[in-house]
N, C-alpha and C. Protein backbone atom coordinates (compact mmCIF):
# COMPACT_ATOMS: atom_id res chain seq x y z
N MET A 1 0.84 -1.19 0.00
CA MET A 1 0.00 0.00 0.00
C MET A 1 0.88 1.25 0.00
N ASN A 2 0.45 2.26 -0.73
CA ASN A 2 1.20 3.51 -0.78
C ASN A 2 0.81 4.42 0.38
N ASP A 3 1.80 4.91 1.08
CA ASP A 3 1.58 5.87 2.15
C ASP A 3 2.26 7.17 1.76
N PHE A 4 1.60 7.90 0.85
CA PHE A 4 2.17 9.16 0.36
C PHE A 4 2.38 10.14 1.50
N ALA A 5 1.45 10.16 2.46
CA ALA A 5 1.55 11.10 3.58
C ALA A 5 2.85 10.88 4.36
N ALA A 6 3.20 9.64 4.60
CA ALA A 6 4.43 9.36 5.36
C ALA A 6 5.66 9.85 4.61
N ALA A 7 5.70 9.65 3.30
CA ALA A 7 6.84 10.12 2.52
C ALA A 7 6.93 11.64 2.56
N LEU A 8 5.80 12.32 2.40
CA LEU A 8 5.79 13.79 2.46
C LEU A 8 6.15 14.28 3.86
N ARG A 9 5.64 13.61 4.87
CA ARG A 9 5.99 13.99 6.25
C ARG A 9 7.49 13.88 6.46
N ASP A 10 8.09 12.80 5.95
CA ASP A 10 9.55 12.64 6.08
C ASP A 10 10.30 13.75 5.36
N LEU A 11 9.86 14.10 4.15
CA LEU A 11 10.50 15.21 3.43
C LEU A 11 10.42 16.50 4.24
N ASN A 12 9.24 16.77 4.79
CA ASN A 12 9.05 17.98 5.60
C ASN A 12 9.95 17.96 6.84
N GLU A 13 9.93 16.85 7.56
CA GLU A 13 10.71 16.76 8.80
C GLU A 13 12.21 16.82 8.55
N ALA A 14 12.65 16.34 7.38
CA ALA A 14 14.07 16.40 7.04
C ALA A 14 14.48 17.79 6.57
N GLY A 15 13.50 18.68 6.36
CA GLY A 15 13.80 20.03 5.92
C GLY A 15 14.17 20.13 4.45
N VAL A 16 13.79 19.12 3.67
CA VAL A 16 14.07 19.14 2.24
C VAL A 16 13.15 20.17 1.58
N ARG A 17 13.74 21.04 0.77
CA ARG A 17 12.94 22.01 0.00
C ARG A 17 12.52 21.33 -1.30
N TYR A 18 11.21 21.14 -1.46
CA TYR A 18 10.67 20.39 -2.60
C TYR A 18 9.34 20.99 -3.04
N ILE A 19 8.91 20.57 -4.21
CA ILE A 19 7.60 20.93 -4.75
C ILE A 19 7.00 19.66 -5.33
N VAL A 20 5.76 19.36 -4.98
CA VAL A 20 5.08 18.20 -5.54
C VAL A 20 4.67 18.51 -6.98
N VAL A 21 5.07 17.62 -7.88
CA VAL A 21 4.72 17.71 -9.30
C VAL A 21 4.14 16.35 -9.69
N GLY A 22 3.81 16.15 -10.94
CA GLY A 22 3.37 14.83 -11.38
C GLY A 22 1.95 14.50 -10.98
N GLY A 23 1.69 13.21 -10.79
CA GLY A 23 0.35 12.71 -10.56
C GLY A 23 -0.36 13.30 -9.36
N LEU A 24 0.33 13.44 -8.23
CA LEU A 24 -0.32 14.02 -7.06
C LEU A 24 -0.72 15.47 -7.31
N ALA A 25 0.10 16.21 -8.05
CA ALA A 25 -0.25 17.59 -8.39
C ALA A 25 -1.46 17.62 -9.31
N VAL A 26 -1.51 16.70 -10.27
CA VAL A 26 -2.67 16.62 -11.17
C VAL A 26 -3.93 16.38 -10.34
N ILE A 27 -3.86 15.46 -9.39
CA ILE A 27 -5.00 15.15 -8.53
C ILE A 27 -5.41 16.39 -7.73
N ARG A 28 -4.44 17.09 -7.15
CA ARG A 28 -4.74 18.27 -6.33
C ARG A 28 -5.27 19.43 -7.17
N HIS A 29 -5.10 19.34 -8.49
CA HIS A 29 -5.67 20.35 -9.38
C HIS A 29 -7.00 19.87 -9.97
N GLY A 30 -7.63 18.89 -9.34
CA GLY A 30 -9.00 18.55 -9.64
C GLY A 30 -9.27 17.40 -10.58
N VAL A 31 -8.26 16.61 -10.90
CA VAL A 31 -8.46 15.48 -11.80
C VAL A 31 -8.48 14.20 -10.99
N VAL A 32 -9.46 13.37 -11.26
CA VAL A 32 -9.52 12.06 -10.61
C VAL A 32 -8.66 11.11 -11.42
N ARG A 33 -7.63 10.58 -10.81
CA ARG A 33 -6.72 9.65 -11.47
C ARG A 33 -5.93 8.91 -10.42
N ALA A 34 -5.36 7.81 -10.81
CA ALA A 34 -4.51 7.03 -9.90
C ALA A 34 -3.06 7.44 -10.11
N THR A 35 -2.27 7.27 -9.08
CA THR A 35 -0.83 7.47 -9.20
C THR A 35 -0.15 6.46 -8.30
N LYS A 36 1.05 6.08 -8.69
CA LYS A 36 1.76 5.06 -7.94
C LYS A 36 2.91 5.63 -7.12
N ASP A 37 3.18 6.94 -7.27
CA ASP A 37 4.36 7.50 -6.61
C ASP A 37 4.18 8.96 -6.26
N VAL A 38 5.14 9.45 -5.50
CA VAL A 38 5.27 10.87 -5.22
C VAL A 38 6.36 11.38 -6.14
N ASP A 39 6.04 12.42 -6.92
CA ASP A 39 7.05 13.09 -7.75
C ASP A 39 7.35 14.43 -7.07
N ALA A 40 8.61 14.63 -6.70
CA ALA A 40 9.01 15.85 -6.00
C ALA A 40 10.23 16.45 -6.68
N ALA A 41 10.10 17.70 -7.10
CA ALA A 41 11.25 18.44 -7.63
C ALA A 41 11.92 19.12 -6.45
N VAL A 42 13.24 19.04 -6.39
CA VAL A 42 13.96 19.56 -5.23
C VAL A 42 14.98 20.62 -5.63
N ALA A 43 15.23 21.53 -4.69
CA ALA A 43 16.27 22.54 -4.87
C ALA A 43 17.63 21.84 -4.89
N MET A 44 18.52 22.33 -5.74
CA MET A 44 19.80 21.66 -5.95
C MET A 44 20.97 22.27 -5.15
N ASP A 45 20.70 23.18 -4.22
CA ASP A 45 21.80 23.73 -3.42
C ASP A 45 22.38 22.64 -2.53
N SER A 46 23.62 22.82 -2.12
CA SER A 46 24.33 21.77 -1.39
C SER A 46 23.67 21.42 -0.06
N GLU A 47 23.14 22.39 0.65
CA GLU A 47 22.48 22.12 1.93
C GLU A 47 21.25 21.24 1.73
N ASN A 48 20.43 21.56 0.71
CA ASN A 48 19.25 20.75 0.44
C ASN A 48 19.63 19.35 -0.02
N GLN A 49 20.68 19.26 -0.83
CA GLN A 49 21.13 17.95 -1.29
C GLN A 49 21.64 17.10 -0.12
N SER A 50 22.28 17.72 0.85
CA SER A 50 22.74 16.99 2.04
C SER A 50 21.55 16.46 2.83
N ARG A 51 20.52 17.27 2.98
CA ARG A 51 19.32 16.83 3.70
C ARG A 51 18.66 15.67 2.97
N LEU A 52 18.58 15.79 1.64
CA LEU A 52 17.98 14.74 0.84
C LEU A 52 18.78 13.44 0.95
N THR A 53 20.10 13.53 0.86
CA THR A 53 20.96 12.35 0.96
C THR A 53 20.76 11.66 2.31
N ALA A 54 20.70 12.45 3.38
CA ALA A 54 20.50 11.88 4.72
C ALA A 54 19.14 11.17 4.79
N LEU A 55 18.12 11.75 4.18
CA LEU A 55 16.79 11.13 4.19
C LEU A 55 16.79 9.83 3.38
N VAL A 56 17.42 9.85 2.22
CA VAL A 56 17.49 8.63 1.39
C VAL A 56 18.18 7.51 2.19
N GLU A 57 19.24 7.86 2.91
CA GLU A 57 19.93 6.87 3.74
C GLU A 57 19.03 6.39 4.88
N ARG A 58 18.32 7.31 5.53
CA ARG A 58 17.41 6.93 6.62
C ARG A 58 16.30 6.01 6.11
N TRP A 59 15.81 6.29 4.91
CA TRP A 59 14.79 5.44 4.31
C TRP A 59 15.34 4.07 3.94
N ARG A 60 16.67 3.96 3.81
CA ARG A 60 17.30 2.76 3.25
C ARG A 60 16.68 2.47 1.88
N ALA A 61 16.54 3.56 1.11
CA ALA A 61 15.89 3.48 -0.20
C ALA A 61 16.68 2.59 -1.14
N THR A 62 15.94 1.98 -2.05
CA THR A 62 16.53 1.14 -3.09
C THR A 62 16.04 1.64 -4.45
N ASN A 63 16.51 1.01 -5.50
CA ASN A 63 15.93 1.24 -6.81
C ASN A 63 14.50 0.72 -6.76
N PRO A 64 13.63 1.18 -7.67
CA PRO A 64 12.24 0.71 -7.65
C PRO A 64 12.08 -0.80 -7.69
N ASP A 65 13.03 -1.51 -8.31
CA ASP A 65 12.93 -2.98 -8.38
C ASP A 65 13.49 -3.67 -7.14
N GLY A 66 13.93 -2.88 -6.15
CA GLY A 66 14.43 -3.44 -4.90
C GLY A 66 15.93 -3.65 -4.86
N THR A 67 16.62 -3.44 -5.97
CA THR A 67 18.08 -3.59 -5.98
C THR A 67 18.72 -2.37 -5.30
N PRO A 68 19.92 -2.56 -4.75
CA PRO A 68 20.57 -1.45 -4.06
C PRO A 68 20.86 -0.27 -5.00
N LEU A 69 20.77 0.94 -4.42
CA LEU A 69 21.13 2.14 -5.18
C LEU A 69 22.63 2.14 -5.43
N ARG A 70 23.02 2.48 -6.63
CA ARG A 70 24.45 2.67 -6.90
C ARG A 70 24.91 4.00 -6.33
N SER A 71 24.02 4.96 -6.39
CA SER A 71 24.33 6.30 -5.88
C SER A 71 23.03 6.98 -5.49
N SER A 72 23.10 7.77 -4.43
CA SER A 72 21.94 8.57 -4.06
C SER A 72 22.13 10.02 -4.49
N ASP A 73 23.17 10.27 -5.29
CA ASP A 73 23.42 11.62 -5.79
C ASP A 73 22.43 11.97 -6.88
N LEU A 74 21.88 13.16 -6.78
CA LEU A 74 20.97 13.67 -7.80
C LEU A 74 21.76 14.64 -8.67
N ARG A 75 21.83 14.32 -9.95
CA ARG A 75 22.57 15.19 -10.87
C ARG A 75 21.66 16.29 -11.38
N ALA A 76 22.24 17.44 -11.70
CA ALA A 76 21.48 18.54 -12.28
C ALA A 76 20.82 18.05 -13.56
N GLY A 77 19.54 18.27 -13.68
CA GLY A 77 18.80 17.82 -14.85
C GLY A 77 18.39 16.36 -14.80
N GLY A 78 18.67 15.69 -13.70
CA GLY A 78 18.39 14.26 -13.60
C GLY A 78 17.24 13.94 -12.66
N ALA A 79 17.03 12.66 -12.48
CA ALA A 79 15.98 12.18 -11.58
C ALA A 79 16.51 10.97 -10.82
N LEU A 80 15.95 10.75 -9.67
CA LEU A 80 16.33 9.63 -8.83
C LEU A 80 15.06 8.88 -8.45
N ALA A 81 14.88 7.68 -8.98
CA ALA A 81 13.70 6.87 -8.69
C ALA A 81 14.01 5.98 -7.50
N LEU A 82 13.16 6.07 -6.47
CA LEU A 82 13.43 5.38 -5.21
C LEU A 82 12.25 4.54 -4.76
N ARG A 83 12.56 3.40 -4.15
CA ARG A 83 11.57 2.65 -3.38
C ARG A 83 11.90 2.96 -1.93
N THR A 84 10.94 3.52 -1.21
CA THR A 84 11.12 3.87 0.19
C THR A 84 10.24 2.95 1.03
N PRO A 85 10.34 3.00 2.35
CA PRO A 85 9.46 2.17 3.17
C PRO A 85 7.97 2.52 3.01
N HIS A 86 7.69 3.70 2.46
CA HIS A 86 6.31 4.18 2.36
C HIS A 86 5.69 3.99 0.98
N CYS A 87 6.48 4.26 -0.05
CA CYS A 87 5.97 4.24 -1.42
C CYS A 87 7.14 4.52 -2.37
N LEU A 88 6.83 4.50 -3.66
CA LEU A 88 7.82 4.93 -4.64
C LEU A 88 7.89 6.46 -4.62
N VAL A 89 9.10 6.98 -4.70
CA VAL A 89 9.31 8.43 -4.73
C VAL A 89 10.27 8.73 -5.87
N ASP A 90 9.85 9.61 -6.77
CA ASP A 90 10.73 10.09 -7.83
C ASP A 90 11.18 11.49 -7.45
N ILE A 91 12.49 11.64 -7.26
CA ILE A 91 13.08 12.93 -6.94
C ILE A 91 13.62 13.52 -8.24
N LEU A 92 13.16 14.72 -8.56
CA LEU A 92 13.55 15.37 -9.81
C LEU A 92 14.41 16.60 -9.51
N SER A 93 15.42 16.79 -10.32
CA SER A 93 16.24 17.99 -10.21
C SER A 93 15.42 19.21 -10.55
N GLU A 94 15.68 20.30 -9.87
CA GLU A 94 14.99 21.56 -10.17
C GLU A 94 15.20 21.98 -11.62
N LYS A 95 16.22 21.46 -12.27
CA LYS A 95 16.48 21.80 -13.68
C LYS A 95 15.36 21.29 -14.59
N LEU A 96 14.53 20.38 -14.11
CA LEU A 96 13.41 19.86 -14.89
C LEU A 96 12.16 20.72 -14.75
N LEU A 97 12.23 21.75 -13.90
CA LEU A 97 11.12 22.67 -13.72
C LEU A 97 11.09 23.68 -14.87
N PRO A 98 9.94 24.28 -15.14
CA PRO A 98 9.85 25.24 -16.24
C PRO A 98 10.44 26.62 -15.92
N ALA A 99 10.86 26.82 -14.68
CA ALA A 99 11.42 28.09 -14.23
C ALA A 99 12.31 27.80 -13.02
N PRO A 100 13.06 28.78 -12.54
CA PRO A 100 13.88 28.55 -11.34
C PRO A 100 13.05 28.05 -10.15
N PHE A 101 13.67 27.21 -9.34
CA PHE A 101 13.00 26.59 -8.20
C PHE A 101 12.26 27.62 -7.35
N THR A 102 12.94 28.72 -6.99
CA THR A 102 12.30 29.70 -6.11
C THR A 102 11.06 30.31 -6.75
N ASP A 103 11.07 30.49 -8.06
CA ASP A 103 9.89 31.03 -8.75
C ASP A 103 8.74 30.03 -8.71
N VAL A 104 9.04 28.76 -9.02
CA VAL A 104 8.00 27.73 -9.02
C VAL A 104 7.46 27.54 -7.59
N LEU A 105 8.35 27.54 -6.61
CA LEU A 105 7.91 27.41 -5.22
C LEU A 105 7.04 28.60 -4.83
N GLY A 106 7.42 29.80 -5.26
CA GLY A 106 6.63 30.99 -4.94
C GLY A 106 5.23 30.96 -5.53
N ARG A 107 5.06 30.27 -6.65
CA ARG A 107 3.74 30.15 -7.27
C ARG A 107 2.96 28.95 -6.77
N SER A 108 3.60 28.09 -5.99
CA SER A 108 2.93 26.88 -5.50
C SER A 108 1.94 27.23 -4.40
N ASP A 109 1.04 26.29 -4.14
CA ASP A 109 0.09 26.41 -3.04
C ASP A 109 0.36 25.30 -2.05
N ILE A 110 0.27 25.64 -0.78
CA ILE A 110 0.38 24.61 0.25
C ILE A 110 -0.99 23.96 0.38
N LYS A 111 -1.03 22.67 0.09
CA LYS A 111 -2.28 21.91 0.19
C LYS A 111 -2.00 20.64 0.98
N ARG A 112 -3.06 20.05 1.48
CA ARG A 112 -2.92 18.81 2.23
C ARG A 112 -3.07 17.61 1.31
N ILE A 113 -2.17 16.67 1.48
CA ILE A 113 -2.26 15.37 0.81
C ILE A 113 -2.33 14.35 1.93
N ASP A 114 -3.45 13.68 2.03
CA ASP A 114 -3.67 12.72 3.10
C ASP A 114 -3.32 13.31 4.47
N GLY A 115 -3.68 14.59 4.66
CA GLY A 115 -3.49 15.25 5.94
C GLY A 115 -2.14 15.92 6.14
N VAL A 116 -1.22 15.79 5.20
CA VAL A 116 0.11 16.37 5.34
C VAL A 116 0.24 17.56 4.39
N GLU A 117 0.67 18.71 4.93
CA GLU A 117 0.86 19.89 4.09
C GLU A 117 2.07 19.70 3.19
N ALA A 118 1.89 20.11 1.92
CA ALA A 118 2.97 19.99 0.95
C ALA A 118 2.79 21.08 -0.11
N PRO A 119 3.89 21.63 -0.63
CA PRO A 119 3.79 22.62 -1.71
C PRO A 119 3.46 21.93 -3.03
N ILE A 120 2.35 22.33 -3.65
CA ILE A 120 1.89 21.74 -4.90
C ILE A 120 2.15 22.77 -6.00
N CYS A 121 2.79 22.35 -7.07
CA CYS A 121 3.10 23.32 -8.13
C CYS A 121 1.82 23.90 -8.70
N SER A 122 1.92 25.13 -9.18
CA SER A 122 0.77 25.82 -9.74
C SER A 122 0.28 25.10 -10.99
N LEU A 123 -0.95 25.38 -11.37
CA LEU A 123 -1.51 24.80 -12.58
C LEU A 123 -0.66 25.18 -13.79
N ALA A 124 -0.26 26.44 -13.88
CA ALA A 124 0.54 26.89 -15.03
C ALA A 124 1.87 26.14 -15.12
N ASP A 125 2.54 25.96 -13.99
CA ASP A 125 3.82 25.24 -14.00
C ASP A 125 3.62 23.76 -14.30
N LEU A 126 2.55 23.18 -13.75
CA LEU A 126 2.25 21.77 -14.02
C LEU A 126 1.99 21.56 -15.51
N VAL A 127 1.19 22.44 -16.10
CA VAL A 127 0.88 22.35 -17.53
C VAL A 127 2.16 22.48 -18.35
N ALA A 128 3.01 23.43 -18.00
CA ALA A 128 4.27 23.61 -18.73
C ALA A 128 5.14 22.36 -18.66
N MET A 129 5.20 21.73 -17.49
CA MET A 129 5.99 20.50 -17.35
C MET A 129 5.39 19.37 -18.17
N LYS A 130 4.07 19.23 -18.13
CA LYS A 130 3.40 18.16 -18.89
C LYS A 130 3.60 18.36 -20.39
N ARG A 131 3.54 19.61 -20.85
CA ARG A 131 3.74 19.88 -22.28
C ARG A 131 5.17 19.59 -22.71
N ALA A 132 6.12 19.82 -21.84
CA ALA A 132 7.53 19.65 -22.19
C ALA A 132 7.92 18.19 -22.39
N THR A 133 7.22 17.27 -21.75
CA THR A 133 7.63 15.86 -21.84
C THR A 133 7.17 15.19 -23.13
N GLY A 134 5.94 15.51 -23.55
CA GLY A 134 5.40 14.90 -24.76
C GLY A 134 5.03 13.44 -24.62
N ARG A 135 5.01 12.91 -23.39
CA ARG A 135 4.62 11.51 -23.18
C ARG A 135 3.11 11.38 -23.29
N GLY A 136 2.66 10.22 -23.70
CA GLY A 136 1.23 9.96 -23.83
C GLY A 136 0.48 10.17 -22.53
N SER A 137 1.05 9.72 -21.42
CA SER A 137 0.37 9.88 -20.13
C SER A 137 0.23 11.35 -19.76
N ASP A 138 1.22 12.16 -20.13
CA ASP A 138 1.14 13.59 -19.85
C ASP A 138 0.12 14.27 -20.75
N GLU A 139 0.00 13.82 -21.98
CA GLU A 139 -1.03 14.35 -22.89
C GLU A 139 -2.42 14.04 -22.33
N LEU A 140 -2.59 12.84 -21.78
CA LEU A 140 -3.87 12.48 -21.17
C LEU A 140 -4.15 13.35 -19.95
N ASP A 141 -3.12 13.59 -19.13
CA ASP A 141 -3.29 14.49 -17.98
C ASP A 141 -3.72 15.88 -18.44
N LEU A 142 -3.13 16.37 -19.52
CA LEU A 142 -3.50 17.70 -20.04
C LEU A 142 -4.97 17.71 -20.49
N GLU A 143 -5.40 16.66 -21.14
CA GLU A 143 -6.81 16.57 -21.56
C GLU A 143 -7.72 16.61 -20.33
N ARG A 144 -7.37 15.85 -19.32
CA ARG A 144 -8.20 15.80 -18.11
C ARG A 144 -8.17 17.13 -17.36
N LEU A 145 -7.01 17.78 -17.32
CA LEU A 145 -6.93 19.10 -16.69
C LEU A 145 -7.78 20.11 -17.46
N ARG A 146 -7.79 20.01 -18.78
CA ARG A 146 -8.62 20.89 -19.61
C ARG A 146 -10.10 20.65 -19.32
N GLU A 147 -10.49 19.40 -19.14
CA GLU A 147 -11.87 19.09 -18.79
C GLU A 147 -12.24 19.69 -17.44
N ALA A 148 -11.30 19.68 -16.50
CA ALA A 148 -11.56 20.20 -15.15
C ALA A 148 -11.54 21.72 -15.09
N HIS A 149 -10.70 22.36 -15.92
CA HIS A 149 -10.49 23.81 -15.80
C HIS A 149 -10.92 24.61 -17.01
N GLY A 150 -11.25 23.95 -18.11
CA GLY A 150 -11.51 24.69 -19.33
C GLY A 150 -10.17 25.00 -19.98
N GLU A 151 -10.04 26.20 -20.48
CA GLU A 151 -8.79 26.59 -21.13
C GLU A 151 -7.64 26.56 -20.12
N LEU A 152 -6.51 26.00 -20.54
CA LEU A 152 -5.34 25.90 -19.67
C LEU A 152 -4.36 27.03 -19.97
N PRO A 153 -3.53 27.39 -18.98
CA PRO A 153 -2.49 28.39 -19.24
C PRO A 153 -1.65 27.96 -20.45
N GLY A 154 -1.47 28.88 -21.39
CA GLY A 154 -0.65 28.59 -22.57
C GLY A 154 -1.43 28.00 -23.73
N ASP A 155 -2.73 27.69 -23.54
CA ASP A 155 -3.55 27.21 -24.65
C ASP A 155 -3.72 28.35 -25.66
N PRO A 156 -3.78 28.00 -26.95
CA PRO A 156 -4.07 29.06 -27.93
C PRO A 156 -5.50 29.56 -27.67
N PRO A 157 -5.74 30.84 -27.96
CA PRO A 157 -7.10 31.36 -27.75
C PRO A 157 -8.11 30.56 -28.56
N SER A 158 -9.25 30.28 -27.96
CA SER A 158 -10.28 29.52 -28.67
C SER A 158 -10.93 30.40 -29.72
N ALA A 159 -11.49 29.76 -30.72
CA ALA A 159 -12.11 30.50 -31.82
C ALA A 159 -13.24 31.38 -31.33
N GLY A 160 -13.92 30.96 -30.27
CA GLY A 160 -15.04 31.73 -29.76
C GLY A 160 -14.63 33.01 -29.05
N SER A 161 -13.34 33.16 -28.69
CA SER A 161 -12.91 34.35 -27.96
C SER A 161 -12.38 35.43 -28.88
N ARG A 162 -12.41 35.19 -30.18
CA ARG A 162 -11.88 36.21 -31.12
C ARG A 162 -12.88 37.25 -31.45
């Protein structure tokens, strides 16, 4: 069973600066969908990376398939897929965000996920990230977000608005 709240609580208690992106953010923006993991973009400064490394060690995290991690280092522009005691957690470099970390964090909203407060990326930033990947699952998320919100940030003006 996935315990997203426990993973987020651990991130908060470890003092890791992060923003929830991905499936949980899509859900918090009004789309009903399933997700198997927590996707968190993190600040890449050395202090935050030290906190994250300590948390990964405390979790005794492994690769998603259960094999030992070769490295818990997060490279700029990279991602770290982890199996933790609570659930799968994908840690993303802030370089994968559509703008600098502090800007995306400033536009985020603190919302509760299973009772735990977490910064959720804004709809505009989420849409920009989904558009940048071009994956089928992200295209489906965009369709569902459009159904929930109507026109999305960055959509071309509709013919009716001319």
